[in-house]
Amino acid sequence: MVRSPFLAIPKHLLKDFDIRKPALEIAREHGISKATLYNWRKKYNGMGVSELSEMKALKEENRRLKHMYAELALDHRLAKEIIEKKL
């Protein structure tokens, strides 16, 4: 899976946006689209550094748990098929 280069949201982008710096200028400086900037603002505005790091940790845990579930589901399906073949 290809990881996005924008996983770490620069907090200063949102601060620049809050001090009424034009969105197009901020987007051009950092090589992102205006839409991305607005989406980040909608999603992360008002969060502190600790909240962002906690959210990142929760997303990583969620990803890990989904991976574990997928492996267990596959193992379960294979075991079920083997048992059905034996009967």
C-alpha atoms as a PDB file:
ATOM      1  CA  MET A   1       0.000   0.000   0.000  1.00  0.00           C
ATOM      2  CA  VAL A   2       1.343   3.405  -0.942  1.00  0.00           C
ATOM      3  CA  ARG A   3       1.409   5.847   1.941  1.00  0.00           C
ATOM      4  CA  SER A   4       0.392   9.422   1.401  1.00  0.00           C
ATOM      5  CA  PRO A   5       3.118  12.046   1.764  1.00  0.00           C
ATOM      6  CA  PHE A   6       0.624  14.176   3.686  1.00  0.00           C
ATOM      7  CA  LEU A   7       0.258  11.923   6.723  1.00  0.00           C
ATOM      8  CA  ALA A   8       1.854  14.473   8.980  1.00  0.00           C
ATOM      9  CA  ILE A   9      -0.321  17.562   8.713  1.00  0.00           C
ATOM     10  CA  PRO A  10       1.809  20.651   9.183  1.00  0.00           C
ATOM     11  CA  LYS A  11       0.165  22.539  12.019  1.00  0.00           C
ATOM     12  CA  HIS A  12       1.512  25.838  10.679  1.00  0.00           C
ATOM     13  CA  LEU A  13      -0.649  25.444   7.549  1.00  0.00           C
ATOM     14  CA  LEU A  14      -3.786  25.720   9.627  1.00  0.00           C
ATOM     15  CA  LYS A  15      -2.323  28.571  11.660  1.00  0.00           C
ATOM     16  CA  ASP A  16      -1.537  30.483   8.466  1.00  0.00           C
ATOM     17  CA  PHE A  17      -5.081  29.850   7.346  1.00  0.00           C
ATOM     18  CA  ASP A  18      -6.427  31.133  10.666  1.00  0.00           C
ATOM     19  CA  ILE A  19      -4.512  34.418  10.403  1.00  0.00           C
ATOM     20  CA  ARG A  20      -6.349  35.166   7.145  1.00  0.00           C
ATOM     21  CA  LYS A  21      -3.532  34.311   4.774  1.00  0.00           C
ATOM     22  CA  PRO A  22      -5.108  33.491   1.377  1.00  0.00           C
ATOM     23  CA  ALA A  23      -5.765  29.776   0.893  1.00  0.00           C
ATOM     24  CA  LEU A  24      -4.397  29.777  -2.638  1.00  0.00           C
ATOM     25  CA  GLU A  25      -1.095  31.252  -1.429  1.00  0.00           C
ATOM     26  CA  ILE A  26      -0.753  28.660   1.360  1.00  0.00           C
ATOM     27  CA  ALA A  27      -1.575  25.835  -1.044  1.00  0.00           C
ATOM     28  CA  ARG A  28       1.000  27.001  -3.593  1.00  0.00           C
ATOM     29  CA  GLU A  29       3.730  27.382  -0.961  1.00  0.00           C
ATOM     30  CA  HIS A  30       3.307  23.795   0.225  1.00  0.00           C
ATOM     31  CA  GLY A  31       2.394  22.080  -3.043  1.00  0.00           C
ATOM     32  CA  ILE A  32      -1.130  21.024  -2.088  1.00  0.00           C
ATOM     33  CA  SER A  33      -4.492  21.846  -3.567  1.00  0.00           C
ATOM     34  CA  LYS A  34      -6.917  24.330  -2.088  1.00  0.00           C
ATOM     35  CA  ALA A  35      -9.413  21.519  -1.631  1.00  0.00           C
ATOM     36  CA  THR A  36      -6.904  19.564   0.456  1.00  0.00           C
ATOM     37  CA  LEU A  37      -6.284  22.606   2.612  1.00  0.00           C
ATOM     38  CA  TYR A  38     -10.006  23.119   3.204  1.00  0.00           C
ATOM     39  CA  ASN A  39     -10.489  19.421   3.978  1.00  0.00           C
ATOM     40  CA  TRP A  40      -7.660  19.507   6.516  1.00  0.00           C
ATOM     41  CA  ARG A  41      -9.150  22.627   8.062  1.00  0.00           C
ATOM     42  CA  LYS A  42     -12.547  20.982   8.364  1.00  0.00           C
ATOM     43  CA  LYS A  43     -11.049  17.821   9.818  1.00  0.00           C
ATOM     44  CA  TYR A  44      -8.271  19.111  12.088  1.00  0.00           C
ATOM     45  CA  ASN A  45      -9.158  22.699  13.004  1.00  0.00           C
ATOM     46  CA  GLY A  46      -9.069  23.288  16.741  1.00  0.00           C
ATOM     47  CA  MET A  47      -7.028  20.179  17.560  1.00  0.00           C
ATOM     48  CA  GLY A  48      -3.887  20.484  19.605  1.00  0.00           C
ATOM     49  CA  VAL A  49      -0.686  18.575  19.054  1.00  0.00           C
ATOM     50  CA  SER A  50      -1.583  15.983  21.697  1.00  0.00           C
ATOM     51  CA  GLU A  51      -4.988  15.358  20.125  1.00  0.00           C
ATOM     52  CA  LEU A  52      -3.419  14.954  16.681  1.00  0.00           C
ATOM     53  CA  SER A  53      -0.847  12.470  17.991  1.00  0.00           C
ATOM     54  CA  GLU A  54      -3.567  10.551  19.850  1.00  0.00           C
ATOM     55  CA  MET A  55      -5.684  10.405  16.700  1.00  0.00           C
ATOM     56  CA  LYS A  56      -2.683   9.173  14.698  1.00  0.00           C
ATOM     57  CA  ALA A  57      -2.052   6.443  17.295  1.00  0.00           C
ATOM     58  CA  LEU A  58      -5.710   5.395  17.196  1.00  0.00           C
ATOM     59  CA  LYS A  59      -5.677   5.227  13.396  1.00  0.00           C
ATOM     60  CA  GLU A  60      -2.552   3.062  13.500  1.00  0.00           C
ATOM     61  CA  GLU A  61      -4.160   0.748  16.074  1.00  0.00           C
ATOM     62  CA  ASN A  62      -7.305   0.547  13.965  1.00  0.00           C
ATOM     63  CA  ARG A  63      -5.241  -0.354  10.887  1.00  0.00           C
ATOM     64  CA  ARG A  64      -3.414  -3.053  12.852  1.00  0.00           C
ATOM     65  CA  LEU A  65      -6.665  -4.521  14.219  1.00  0.00           C
ATOM     66  CA  LYS A  66      -8.257  -4.585  10.756  1.00  0.00           C
ATOM     67  CA  HIS A  67      -5.221  -6.462   9.463  1.00  0.00           C
ATOM     68  CA  MET A  68      -5.450  -8.965  12.326  1.00  0.00           C
ATOM     69  CA  TYR A  69      -9.168  -9.472  11.669  1.00  0.00           C
ATOM     70  CA  ALA A  70      -8.563 -10.076   7.962  1.00  0.00           C
ATOM     71  CA  GLU A  71      -5.938 -12.722   8.746  1.00  0.00           C
ATOM     72  CA  LEU A  72      -8.183 -14.459  11.287  1.00  0.00           C
ATOM     73  CA  ALA A  73     -11.146 -14.412   8.910  1.00  0.00           C
ATOM     74  CA  LEU A  74      -8.995 -15.995   6.201  1.00  0.00           C
ATOM     75  CA  ASP A  75      -7.719 -18.654   8.626  1.00  0.00           C
ATOM     76  CA  HIS A  76     -11.293 -19.373   9.721  1.00  0.00           C
ATOM     77  CA  ARG A  77     -12.497 -19.729   6.139  1.00  0.00           C
ATOM     78  CA  LEU A  78      -9.629 -22.085   5.269  1.00  0.00           C
ATOM     79  CA  ALA A  79     -10.272 -24.203   8.370  1.00  0.00           C
ATOM     80  CA  LYS A  80     -13.954 -24.389   7.491  1.00  0.00           C
ATOM     81  CA  GLU A  81     -13.166 -25.546   3.945  1.00  0.00           C
ATOM     82  CA  ILE A  82     -10.747 -28.209   5.225  1.00  0.00           C
ATOM     83  CA  ILE A  83     -13.330 -29.522   7.699  1.00  0.00           C
ATOM     84  CA  GLU A  84     -16.016 -29.648   4.984  1.00  0.00           C
ATOM     85  CA  LYS A  85     -13.677 -31.619   2.674  1.00  0.00           C
ATOM     86  CA  LYS A  86     -12.979 -34.166   5.429  1.00  0.00           C
ATOM     87  CA  LEU A  87     -16.678 -34.820   5.980  1.00  0.00           C
END
